[in-house]
Protein backbone atom coordinates (compact mmCIF):
# COMPACT_ATOMS: atom_id res chain seq x y z
CA VAL A 1 -4.98 10.64 -3.31
CA THR A 2 -7.75 7.93 -3.95
CA VAL A 3 -10.12 7.30 -1.22
CA THR A 4 -12.81 4.39 -1.42
CA ALA A 5 -15.42 3.43 1.23
CA GLY A 6 -17.79 1.09 1.78
CA ARG A 7 -18.70 -2.57 3.19
CA SER A 8 -16.70 -5.40 2.43
CA THR A 9 -17.77 -9.27 2.23
CA LEU A 10 -15.06 -11.37 1.79
CA ARG A 11 -15.27 -15.06 2.08
CA VAL A 12 -11.96 -17.44 2.42
CA THR A 13 -11.99 -21.16 1.78
CA ASN A 14 -9.72 -24.06 2.50
CA LEU A 15 -9.76 -25.54 -0.94
CA GLU A 16 -8.59 -28.92 0.50
CA GLU A 17 -11.58 -28.83 3.11
CA PRO A 18 -14.29 -26.72 1.43
CA SER A 19 -16.36 -26.84 4.62
CA HIS A 20 -13.37 -24.78 6.26
CA ARG A 21 -14.54 -21.35 5.48
CA ARG A 22 -14.69 -17.89 6.98
CA ILE A 23 -16.51 -14.91 6.11
CA VAL A 24 -15.12 -11.49 6.89
CA THR A 25 -17.54 -8.60 6.54
CA GLY A 26 -17.51 -5.03 7.75
CA PRO A 27 -17.07 -1.52 6.64
CA TYR A 28 -13.90 0.15 5.64
CA VAL A 29 -12.13 3.08 4.16
CA PHE A 30 -9.11 2.66 1.84
CA THR A 31 -6.75 5.45 1.14
CA LEU A 32 -3.96 5.41 -1.64
CA LEU A 33 -1.59 8.37 -1.83
CA GLU A 34 0.99 8.45 -4.47
CA ARG A 35 4.00 10.34 -3.69
CA PRO A 36 6.12 12.68 -6.20
CA ASP A 37 8.85 10.14 -6.32
CA GLY A 38 6.53 7.23 -7.39
CA SER A 39 6.15 5.59 -3.71
CA ILE A 40 2.84 4.74 -2.29
CA ARG A 41 1.12 4.81 0.87
CA ALA A 42 -1.85 2.69 1.46
CA ASP A 43 -4.35 2.86 4.70
CA LEU A 44 -6.97 0.46 5.24
CA VAL A 45 -9.15 1.52 8.22
CA GLY A 46 -11.82 -0.97 9.12
CA THR A 47 -12.24 -4.52 7.62
CA GLY A 48 -10.12 -6.34 5.21
CA ILE A 49 -7.72 -8.98 4.50
CA GLY A 50 -3.84 -8.71 4.26
CA PHE A 51 -1.44 -11.35 2.77
CA TYR A 52 2.42 -11.46 3.60
CA PHE A 53 5.27 -13.67 2.55
CA ALA A 54 8.09 -14.80 4.38
CA GLY A 55 10.51 -12.17 4.67
CA ASP A 56 7.93 -9.18 4.04
CA PRO A 57 8.56 -6.43 6.32
CA THR A 58 5.46 -6.56 8.37
CA ASP A 59 4.57 -6.65 12.32
CA LEU A 60 1.95 -9.47 11.46
CA GLY A 61 4.28 -12.08 9.86
CA GLN A 62 3.54 -14.43 7.15
CA GLY A 63 0.21 -15.66 6.19
CA LEU A 64 -3.32 -14.55 5.47
CA TRP A 65 -4.80 -12.34 7.88
CA ALA A 66 -8.46 -10.92 8.50
CA LEU A 67 -8.07 -7.55 10.05
CA ARG A 68 -10.22 -4.96 11.91
CA GLY A 69 -8.41 -1.87 12.76
CA HIS A 70 -6.00 0.39 10.79
CA ALA A 71 -3.52 -1.20 8.40
CA THR A 72 -0.77 0.90 6.62
CA GLU A 73 1.72 -0.28 3.80
CA TRP A 74 4.36 1.42 1.95
CA TYR A 75 5.82 0.54 -1.44
CA ASP A 76 8.52 1.92 -3.25
CA ALA A 77 8.36 3.57 -6.72
CA ASP A 78 8.79 -0.26 -8.47
CA GLY A 79 5.97 -1.58 -6.18
CA ASN A 80 7.91 -3.56 -3.73
CA LEU A 81 6.60 -3.55 -0.02
CA VAL A 82 8.87 -1.82 2.24
CA ASN A 83 6.82 -1.48 5.47
CA ALA A 84 3.72 -2.76 6.74
CA ARG A 85 2.05 -2.06 10.04
CA PHE A 86 -1.09 -2.96 11.89
CA ARG A 87 -2.90 -1.85 14.87
CA GLY A 88 -6.31 -3.61 16.00
CA HIS A 89 -7.61 -7.15 15.77
CA SER A 90 -6.02 -9.69 13.47
CA THR A 91 -7.06 -13.26 12.81
CA ASP A 92 -4.53 -15.87 11.33
CA LEU A 93 -6.88 -17.20 8.87
CA CYS A 94 -4.33 -20.01 7.73
CA ALA A 95 -4.66 -21.53 11.34
CA ALA A 96 -8.23 -20.81 11.55
CA LEU A 97 -9.05 -22.72 8.28
CA GLY A 98 -6.36 -25.39 9.02
């Protein structure tokens, strides 16, 4: 188990419109658990960013998300995302930076 805690400050900028930017800041605790079969569970409690592609198994959907709450991701032994769940407040940064 690896646990990291602190305060994050993340800046996201629309490169086509640099004046369109968001800063996501706040406390977080990140926990990484590697299982004997090589699979991984990652938990973020607090503030962070999530990025998902079309077809990823997530309840947030495709996009770049500012997160405040509890995010959990599960990866198989090959590093493939097999599930992602989130509870809390999320902001679609792609739409916000549009």
